[in-house]
Amino acid sequence: LACRADGDPPPSTRCARDGGPPRARGGRVANRADAGRYVCRASNKHGSATRSIVVSVECEDGMGWDGM
């Protein structure tokens, strides 16, 4: 899940599962356990902004990546 924002100076960004720690950046395969509400926050010396999104994960085979 990418969190992007524009500003001057450029803001720092982070995205975390609601109530959880920030996720490590980098590509990885999503699974059903990754579904839920996420909050992205951008901030710089002028202030901050947040956006909340809900992520759902669907699998083609209907079973999930781990076969469960």
Protein backbone atom coordinates (compact mmCIF):
# COMPACT_ATOMS: atom_id res chain seq x y z
CA LEU A 1 0.00 0.00 0.00
CA ALA A 2 1.66 3.20 -1.15
CA CYS A 3 1.13 6.51 0.62
CA ARG A 4 2.00 9.56 -1.49
CA ALA A 5 1.65 13.27 -0.83
CA ASP A 6 2.89 16.54 -2.32
CA GLY A 7 3.98 19.60 -0.36
CA ASP A 8 6.68 22.20 0.23
CA PRO A 9 8.75 21.00 1.92
CA PRO A 10 7.98 17.45 0.77
CA PRO A 11 6.09 15.65 3.53
CA SER A 12 7.12 12.41 5.16
CA THR A 13 4.51 9.69 4.78
CA ARG A 14 3.58 6.49 6.55
CA CYS A 15 0.79 4.01 6.24
CA ALA A 16 -0.26 1.65 9.02
CA ARG A 17 -3.04 -0.76 9.71
CA ASP A 18 -5.51 0.99 12.00
CA GLY A 19 -4.16 0.37 15.49
CA GLY A 20 -0.99 -1.33 14.23
CA PRO A 21 2.64 -0.47 13.49
CA PRO A 22 3.73 0.98 10.11
CA ARG A 23 4.24 -1.68 7.46
CA ALA A 24 7.64 -2.32 5.89
CA ARG A 25 7.98 -0.91 2.39
CA GLY A 26 8.63 -3.13 -0.57
CA GLY A 27 6.73 -5.55 -2.71
CA ARG A 28 5.14 -8.66 -1.33
CA VAL A 29 2.13 -10.83 -2.02
CA ALA A 30 -1.03 -9.83 -0.18
CA ASN A 31 -3.17 -12.38 1.62
CA ARG A 32 -6.51 -12.29 3.39
CA ALA A 33 -4.88 -11.38 6.71
CA ASP A 34 -3.85 -8.04 5.13
CA ALA A 35 -7.48 -6.96 4.71
CA GLY A 36 -8.70 -4.21 7.01
CA ARG A 37 -8.69 -0.48 7.66
CA TYR A 38 -5.45 1.45 7.04
CA VAL A 39 -4.55 5.03 7.88
CA CYS A 40 -2.06 6.99 5.77
CA ARG A 41 -0.50 10.11 7.27
CA ALA A 42 1.57 12.84 5.59
CA SER A 43 3.30 15.53 7.60
CA ASN A 44 5.78 18.39 7.26
CA LYS A 45 6.56 21.54 9.26
CA HIS A 46 3.26 23.12 8.15
CA GLY A 47 1.04 20.36 9.50
CA SER A 48 -0.33 16.95 8.70
CA ALA A 49 -3.12 15.22 6.81
CA THR A 50 -4.58 11.74 7.17
CA ARG A 51 -6.64 9.50 4.95
CA SER A 52 -8.33 6.29 5.98
CA ILE A 53 -9.02 3.46 3.52
CA VAL A 54 -10.45 -0.04 3.74
CA VAL A 55 -8.52 -2.79 1.93
CA SER A 56 -10.12 -6.06 0.88
CA VAL A 57 -8.24 -9.03 -0.53
CA GLU A 58 -9.84 -11.40 -3.02
CA CYS A 59 -8.27 -14.58 -4.37
CA GLU A 60 -9.00 -16.11 -7.77
CA ASP A 61 -9.28 -19.65 -6.42
CA GLY A 62 -11.42 -18.52 -3.48
CA MET A 63 -9.03 -20.15 -1.02
CA GLY A 64 -6.25 -17.62 -0.43
CA TRP A 65 -2.55 -17.77 -1.17
CA ASP A 66 -1.78 -20.18 1.65
CA GLY A 67 -4.40 -22.73 0.55
CA MET A 68 -6.65 -22.12 3.55
